[in-house]
Amino acid sequence: MVELLKRLCTAKGVSGREENVCALIRDEIADYADSVTIDVNNNVIATVGDTSVHNIMLDAHLDEIGFIVTYIDDNGFVKVSQSGGMDYRVANDTRFKILTSSGELTAVVCCLPPHLSDGGEDKAPDKDAVYLDTGLPAEKVRSLVSLGDTVAYDVPPLSLLNGRFSCCSTDNRACCALLIRVAELIRKNPVRSGVTFAFTSQEETYGRGAMTAAFKTQPDEAISVDVSFASQGGVAEYESGKLGGGGMICISPVLSRKMSYRFITLAKENGIPYQLEVVGGRTGTNADRISVSGSGIPTALVSVPQRNMHTGAEIVSLDDIESTAQLIYQYIKSADQFAS
């Protein structure tokens, strides 16, 4: 799992430019799937079993947050804007890769030294004042970089103590790895239900991938898998889950209550650790869009706890990934009654 996470998290795939991570996921799941395709929206769609009888769609978005190039000034500095929910507070001094048509170009965010600041409290850089420095003169930068090129974190993965893993883009590559693990479990212990694995694009910007994937595959029910907030310093326990405490089963008006409570029952019956996440309205995930696709799809949401969301130092627990994969497998196995 650690090696899979390393491969997934270091593959660049900012919203709208997911080709690299699409190809990687296609190759990673190919050994466990009956068919794998990449569609026009950069969704990777894999199927296992007969989806014409009972089709369960498993969704995890494969895109990551980043920047998009909007301007190159006469000194060669590259101005960027958000692509997804990039946190400007952690952008200073961070290393990035500009994804150009000819390859990747390393850059760092320009940062005003404290000696030249106004002496006030620390502030995030203004969204209109974020520039990247490649070290190259303007003419060379303009020959390599085009407006509209995307920019991704360039952060090495780290294995931490106590089964923790840290890197950029574990939101949501950790859940992509989780679904690949589910596919492996099904291959080893087949089920009668058909399963569609949808690794979907552009969740961080609009959710277009999940909408079109759900419409295309028309599942009987869907399970969206994403990350959610884990407890850490400054975050109240009632606002977060516990890292290492198991998958977070969401209960929300926009989700299928029947599916959510089925997950709870299965977790108890199989001794699988779990947590509850109660949301009073929309979940802010692909589940919102999948549930209203077509004439409506019963949808559940199970999340992996994560610290430091939308930064280059996101942290997840390997135990949470495994236990959530086992829980989803048990749900699919329990649905065999519909495929019999």
Protein backbone atom coordinates (compact mmCIF):
# COMPACT_ATOMS: atom_id res chain seq x y z
CA MET A 1 0.00 0.00 0.00
CA VAL A 2 2.82 2.43 0.81
CA GLU A 3 4.43 1.91 -2.59
CA LEU A 4 1.07 2.32 -4.33
CA LEU A 5 0.43 5.54 -2.43
CA LYS A 6 3.86 6.84 -3.40
CA ARG A 7 3.19 6.19 -7.08
CA LEU A 8 -0.28 7.73 -6.99
CA CYS A 9 0.60 10.81 -4.93
CA THR A 10 3.64 11.75 -7.02
CA ALA A 11 1.77 11.45 -10.33
CA LYS A 12 0.70 14.96 -11.33
CA GLY A 13 -2.99 15.45 -12.04
CA VAL A 14 -4.37 18.93 -11.36
CA SER A 15 -8.04 19.34 -12.29
CA GLY A 16 -8.38 19.38 -16.07
CA ARG A 17 -4.89 17.93 -16.60
CA GLU A 18 -5.27 14.46 -15.12
CA GLU A 19 -3.77 12.45 -18.00
CA ASN A 20 -0.70 11.22 -16.11
CA VAL A 21 -2.58 9.93 -13.10
CA CYS A 22 -5.32 8.50 -15.36
CA ALA A 23 -2.78 6.32 -17.15
CA LEU A 24 -1.25 5.21 -13.86
CA ILE A 25 -4.59 4.22 -12.30
CA ARG A 26 -5.59 2.40 -15.49
CA ASP A 27 -2.43 0.31 -15.23
CA GLU A 28 -2.75 -0.25 -11.47
CA ILE A 29 -6.30 -1.61 -11.60
CA ALA A 30 -5.98 -3.55 -14.87
CA ASP A 31 -4.98 -6.80 -13.11
CA TYR A 32 -8.19 -6.79 -11.07
CA ALA A 33 -10.77 -5.51 -13.58
CA ASP A 34 -12.63 -7.10 -16.48
CA SER A 35 -12.44 -3.86 -18.48
CA VAL A 36 -10.80 -0.45 -18.08
CA THR A 37 -11.37 2.69 -20.15
CA ILE A 38 -10.51 6.38 -19.93
CA ASP A 39 -13.35 8.57 -21.16
CA VAL A 40 -13.42 12.05 -22.72
CA ASN A 41 -13.59 13.71 -19.27
CA ASN A 42 -10.50 11.92 -17.92
CA ASN A 43 -12.55 9.49 -15.84
CA VAL A 44 -11.03 6.04 -15.44
CA ILE A 45 -13.90 3.55 -15.54
CA ALA A 46 -13.22 -0.08 -14.59
CA THR A 47 -15.78 -2.85 -14.26
CA VAL A 48 -15.78 -6.12 -12.37
CA GLY A 49 -18.50 -8.73 -12.85
CA ASP A 50 -21.90 -8.43 -14.53
CA THR A 51 -23.08 -4.85 -14.08
CA SER A 52 -26.30 -5.53 -15.99
CA VAL A 53 -27.76 -7.43 -13.03
CA HIS A 54 -26.90 -5.15 -10.11
CA ASN A 55 -24.40 -2.36 -10.55
CA ILE A 56 -22.67 -0.69 -7.59
CA MET A 57 -20.59 2.34 -8.51
CA LEU A 58 -17.56 3.16 -6.34
CA ASP A 59 -16.35 6.73 -6.82
CA ALA A 60 -13.08 8.39 -5.84
CA HIS A 61 -11.87 11.56 -7.50
CA LEU A 62 -8.38 11.40 -8.96
CA ASP A 63 -7.64 15.11 -9.48
CA GLU A 64 -5.67 17.31 -7.12
CA ILE A 65 -5.59 21.00 -6.27
CA GLY A 66 -3.02 23.28 -7.85
CA PHE A 67 -2.55 26.50 -9.79
CA ILE A 68 -3.06 27.61 -13.36
CA VAL A 69 -0.72 30.04 -15.18
CA THR A 70 -2.37 33.37 -15.97
CA TYR A 71 0.54 35.73 -16.83
CA ILE A 72 4.32 35.93 -17.28
CA ASP A 73 5.87 39.30 -16.42
CA ASP A 74 8.91 40.96 -17.99
CA ASN A 75 11.19 39.58 -15.27
CA GLY A 76 10.13 35.99 -15.97
CA PHE A 77 7.98 35.57 -12.88
CA VAL A 78 4.93 33.37 -13.50
CA LYS A 79 1.62 34.63 -12.11
CA VAL A 80 -0.85 31.92 -11.13
CA SER A 81 -4.42 31.52 -9.94
CA GLN A 82 -6.16 28.78 -7.96
CA SER A 83 -7.25 25.56 -9.60
CA GLY A 84 -9.33 24.06 -6.83
CA GLY A 85 -9.10 25.03 -3.18
CA MET A 86 -5.42 25.84 -2.94
CA ASP A 87 -4.58 27.26 0.49
CA TYR A 88 -2.57 30.45 -0.06
CA ARG A 89 -1.37 30.38 3.55
CA VAL A 90 0.94 27.45 2.81
CA ALA A 91 2.04 28.52 -0.66
CA ASN A 92 5.00 30.64 0.45
CA ASP A 93 8.39 28.96 -0.11
CA THR A 94 6.75 25.81 -1.46
CA ARG A 95 8.19 23.94 -4.43
CA PHE A 96 5.94 23.28 -7.43
CA LYS A 97 6.09 21.76 -10.89
CA ILE A 98 4.77 23.70 -13.87
CA LEU A 99 3.28 21.14 -16.25
CA THR A 100 4.19 22.40 -19.71
CA SER A 101 3.59 20.89 -23.13
CA SER A 102 7.23 19.76 -23.22
CA GLY A 103 7.60 18.47 -19.67
CA GLU A 104 7.81 19.60 -16.05
CA LEU A 105 9.53 22.77 -14.88
CA THR A 106 10.50 23.23 -11.23
CA ALA A 107 9.54 26.51 -9.56
CA VAL A 108 9.15 28.04 -6.11
CA VAL A 109 6.65 30.61 -4.88
CA CYS A 110 8.11 34.08 -4.50
CA CYS A 111 8.02 35.09 -0.83
CA LEU A 112 8.58 38.50 0.72
CA PRO A 113 11.32 38.27 3.41
CA PRO A 114 10.16 39.23 6.92
CA HIS A 115 12.74 42.05 6.93
CA LEU A 116 10.77 43.78 4.15
CA SER A 117 7.30 43.20 5.55
CA ASP A 118 5.23 45.87 7.25
CA GLY A 119 5.73 44.29 10.64
CA GLY A 120 2.07 43.35 11.03
CA GLU A 121 0.73 39.94 11.80
CA ASP A 122 1.49 37.12 9.39
CA LYS A 123 -0.85 37.07 6.44
CA ALA A 124 -1.47 34.76 3.54
CA PRO A 125 -0.31 36.21 0.22
CA ASP A 126 -3.02 38.01 -1.70
CA LYS A 127 -4.54 35.80 -4.38
CA ASP A 128 -3.56 38.36 -7.00
CA ALA A 129 0.06 38.46 -5.89
CA VAL A 130 1.23 34.85 -6.14
CA TYR A 131 4.16 34.44 -8.54
CA LEU A 132 6.43 31.50 -9.26
CA ASP A 133 10.17 31.78 -9.84
CA THR A 134 11.80 29.24 -12.17
CA GLY A 135 15.18 30.93 -12.11
CA LEU A 136 15.01 31.51 -15.88
CA PRO A 137 14.91 34.81 -17.79
CA ALA A 138 11.60 35.98 -19.24
CA GLU A 139 12.32 34.97 -22.84
CA LYS A 140 13.23 31.43 -21.82
CA VAL A 141 10.21 31.13 -19.52
CA ARG A 142 7.88 32.26 -22.32
CA SER A 143 9.39 29.68 -24.65
CA LEU A 144 8.63 26.89 -22.18
CA VAL A 145 5.52 28.02 -20.30
CA SER A 146 2.14 28.85 -21.81
CA LEU A 147 -0.85 30.60 -20.29
CA GLY A 148 -3.20 27.91 -19.04
CA ASP A 149 -0.44 25.48 -18.00
CA THR A 150 -1.22 23.85 -14.69
CA VAL A 151 0.97 23.83 -11.59
CA ALA A 152 1.16 20.97 -9.06
CA TYR A 153 2.86 20.48 -5.71
CA ASP A 154 6.35 18.98 -5.91
CA VAL A 155 6.54 17.31 -2.49
CA PRO A 156 8.20 13.95 -1.75
CA PRO A 157 6.12 11.29 0.05
CA LEU A 158 6.99 10.40 3.62
CA SER A 159 6.25 7.33 5.72
CA LEU A 160 5.70 8.51 9.29
CA LEU A 161 5.61 6.56 12.52
CA ASN A 162 2.55 4.57 13.61
CA GLY A 163 1.45 3.68 10.09
CA ARG A 164 0.97 7.25 8.90
CA PHE A 165 1.64 8.44 5.36
CA SER A 166 2.22 12.04 4.33
CA CYS A 167 2.31 13.72 0.93
CA CYS A 168 0.47 16.18 -1.23
CA SER A 169 -2.65 14.90 -3.04
CA THR A 170 -3.55 12.15 -0.56
CA ASP A 171 -6.79 14.05 -1.15
CA ASN A 172 -7.87 11.99 -2.95
CA ARG A 173 -5.22 9.53 -4.14
CA ALA A 174 -5.47 7.74 -0.79
CA CYS A 175 -9.04 6.83 -1.75
CA CYS A 176 -7.97 5.85 -5.27
CA ALA A 177 -5.56 3.42 -3.61
CA LEU A 178 -8.39 2.27 -1.36
CA LEU A 179 -10.61 1.42 -4.36
CA ILE A 180 -7.78 -0.48 -6.02
CA ARG A 181 -7.51 -2.46 -2.78
CA VAL A 182 -11.27 -3.19 -2.95
CA ALA A 183 -10.81 -4.45 -6.52
CA GLU A 184 -8.05 -6.73 -5.25
CA LEU A 185 -10.32 -8.09 -2.51
CA ILE A 186 -13.07 -8.82 -5.03
CA ARG A 187 -10.62 -10.59 -7.33
CA LYS A 188 -9.50 -12.82 -4.47
CA ASN A 189 -13.03 -13.37 -3.13
CA PRO A 190 -15.52 -12.83 -5.99
CA VAL A 191 -19.01 -11.42 -5.45
CA ARG A 192 -22.13 -11.73 -7.59
CA SER A 193 -22.88 -8.01 -7.82
CA GLY A 194 -21.32 -6.06 -10.65
CA VAL A 195 -19.06 -3.21 -9.59
CA THR A 196 -18.10 -0.10 -11.52
CA PHE A 197 -14.97 1.64 -10.26
CA ALA A 198 -15.12 5.31 -11.24
CA PHE A 199 -11.93 7.30 -10.66
CA THR A 200 -13.37 10.68 -11.53
CA SER A 201 -11.96 14.02 -12.66
CA GLN A 202 -12.39 17.66 -11.66
CA GLU A 203 -13.94 17.20 -8.23
CA GLU A 204 -11.79 20.04 -6.94
CA THR A 205 -13.21 22.47 -9.50
CA TYR A 206 -16.77 21.47 -10.39
CA GLY A 207 -17.43 17.75 -10.07
CA ARG A 208 -17.98 17.25 -13.78
CA GLY A 209 -16.30 13.85 -13.81
CA ALA A 210 -18.60 12.31 -11.22
CA MET A 211 -21.72 13.70 -12.88
CA THR A 212 -20.87 12.33 -16.30
CA ALA A 213 -19.57 9.00 -14.96
CA ALA A 214 -22.76 8.42 -12.99
CA PHE A 215 -24.91 9.33 -15.99
CA LYS A 216 -22.90 7.06 -18.26
CA THR A 217 -22.78 3.99 -16.02
CA GLN A 218 -26.29 4.36 -14.49
CA PRO A 219 -25.58 2.40 -11.31
CA ASP A 220 -28.28 0.99 -9.06
CA GLU A 221 -26.47 2.51 -6.08
CA ALA A 222 -23.26 4.43 -5.52
CA ILE A 223 -20.64 4.80 -2.82
CA SER A 224 -18.44 7.88 -2.90
CA VAL A 225 -15.10 7.72 -1.08
CA ASP A 226 -13.24 10.89 -0.15
CA VAL A 227 -11.20 12.31 2.70
CA SER A 228 -12.57 14.27 5.62
CA PHE A 229 -11.13 16.19 8.54
CA ALA A 230 -9.12 14.36 11.18
CA SER A 231 -8.55 15.80 14.64
CA GLN A 232 -5.41 17.86 15.14
CA GLY A 233 -4.26 20.84 17.13
CA GLY A 234 -6.83 23.63 17.05
CA VAL A 235 -9.64 21.42 15.69
CA ALA A 236 -12.46 20.41 18.03
CA GLU A 237 -13.14 16.68 18.29
CA TYR A 238 -16.83 17.16 17.47
CA GLU A 239 -15.81 18.77 14.16
CA SER A 240 -13.53 15.96 13.06
CA GLY A 241 -12.78 12.27 12.98
CA LYS A 242 -9.91 10.44 14.64
CA LEU A 243 -6.90 9.43 12.59
CA GLY A 244 -6.69 5.65 12.89
CA GLY A 245 -10.30 5.40 14.07
CA GLY A 246 -11.67 3.87 10.88
CA GLY A 247 -13.71 5.15 7.97
CA MET A 248 -16.17 7.98 8.58
CA ILE A 249 -19.71 6.94 7.59
CA CYS A 250 -21.61 10.06 6.63
CA ILE A 251 -25.24 10.70 7.57
CA SER A 252 -26.81 13.55 5.61
CA PRO A 253 -30.20 14.51 4.15
CA VAL A 254 -28.73 14.25 0.63
CA LEU A 255 -27.54 10.67 1.15
CA SER A 256 -29.36 7.36 1.36
CA ARG A 257 -30.12 6.78 5.03
CA LYS A 258 -30.72 3.10 4.28
CA MET A 259 -27.22 2.71 2.82
CA SER A 260 -25.56 4.67 5.63
CA TYR A 261 -27.16 2.52 8.31
CA ARG A 262 -26.34 -0.64 6.37
CA PHE A 263 -22.69 0.39 6.57
CA ILE A 264 -22.99 0.86 10.33
CA THR A 265 -24.58 -2.57 10.76
CA LEU A 266 -21.91 -4.26 8.64
CA ALA A 267 -19.11 -2.55 10.55
CA LYS A 268 -20.54 -3.82 13.84
CA GLU A 269 -21.17 -7.34 12.52
CA ASN A 270 -17.63 -7.68 11.13
CA GLY A 271 -15.73 -5.90 13.90
CA ILE A 272 -14.53 -3.17 11.54
CA PRO A 273 -13.70 0.18 13.17
CA TYR A 274 -15.81 3.10 11.99
CA GLN A 275 -16.80 6.65 12.89
CA LEU A 276 -19.86 8.75 12.16
CA GLU A 277 -19.84 12.08 10.34
CA VAL A 278 -23.11 13.99 10.49
CA VAL A 279 -23.69 16.74 7.92
CA GLY A 280 -26.81 18.93 7.92
CA GLY A 281 -26.95 19.39 4.15
CA ARG A 282 -24.65 18.93 1.20
CA THR A 283 -21.48 16.96 1.86
CA GLY A 284 -19.13 18.98 -0.36
CA THR A 285 -18.11 15.79 -2.17
CA ASN A 286 -18.96 13.95 -5.38
CA ALA A 287 -21.80 12.25 -3.49
CA ASP A 288 -23.87 15.43 -3.85
CA ARG A 289 -23.73 15.32 -7.63
CA ILE A 290 -23.99 11.55 -8.03
CA SER A 291 -27.15 11.37 -5.92
CA VAL A 292 -29.05 13.67 -8.31
CA SER A 293 -27.71 12.21 -11.55
CA GLY A 294 -30.38 11.07 -14.01
CA SER A 295 -33.55 10.21 -12.11
CA GLY A 296 -31.58 9.91 -8.87
CA ILE A 297 -29.10 7.36 -7.48
CA PRO A 298 -29.10 6.07 -3.88
CA THR A 299 -25.70 7.22 -2.64
CA ALA A 300 -23.56 6.75 0.45
CA LEU A 301 -20.37 8.51 1.50
CA VAL A 302 -17.53 6.95 3.47
CA SER A 303 -14.47 9.09 4.15
CA VAL A 304 -10.88 8.51 5.22
CA PRO A 305 -9.75 10.86 8.04
CA GLN A 306 -7.00 13.23 6.95
CA ARG A 307 -4.92 15.92 8.63
CA ASN A 308 -3.67 19.09 6.94
CA MET A 309 -6.15 18.97 4.06
CA HIS A 310 -5.25 20.91 0.88
CA THR A 311 -1.60 21.30 1.80
CA GLY A 312 1.63 19.64 0.74
CA ALA A 313 1.78 17.73 4.05
CA GLU A 314 -1.54 15.88 4.13
CA ILE A 315 -1.51 12.87 6.48
CA VAL A 316 -3.58 9.67 6.38
CA SER A 317 -3.46 6.37 8.25
CA LEU A 318 -2.76 3.11 6.45
CA ASP A 319 -5.04 1.38 8.96
CA ASP A 320 -7.96 3.62 7.95
CA ILE A 321 -7.41 2.86 4.27
CA GLU A 322 -7.41 -0.90 4.88
CA SER A 323 -10.36 -0.98 7.28
CA THR A 324 -12.46 1.22 4.97
CA ALA A 325 -11.62 -1.02 2.01
CA GLN A 326 -12.72 -4.04 4.05
CA LEU A 327 -15.97 -2.28 5.02
CA ILE A 328 -16.80 -1.41 1.41
CA TYR A 329 -16.05 -4.98 0.36
CA GLN A 330 -18.47 -6.25 2.99
CA TYR A 331 -21.13 -3.86 1.68
CA ILE A 332 -20.67 -5.14 -1.87
CA LYS A 333 -20.78 -8.73 -0.62
CA SER A 334 -24.02 -7.98 1.28
CA ALA A 335 -25.59 -6.66 -1.94
CA ASP A 336 -25.28 -10.07 -3.58
CA GLN A 337 -28.90 -10.70 -2.60
CA PHE A 338 -29.91 -8.26 -5.34
CA ALA A 339 -27.78 -10.05 -7.94
CA SER A 340 -28.87 -13.60 -7.10
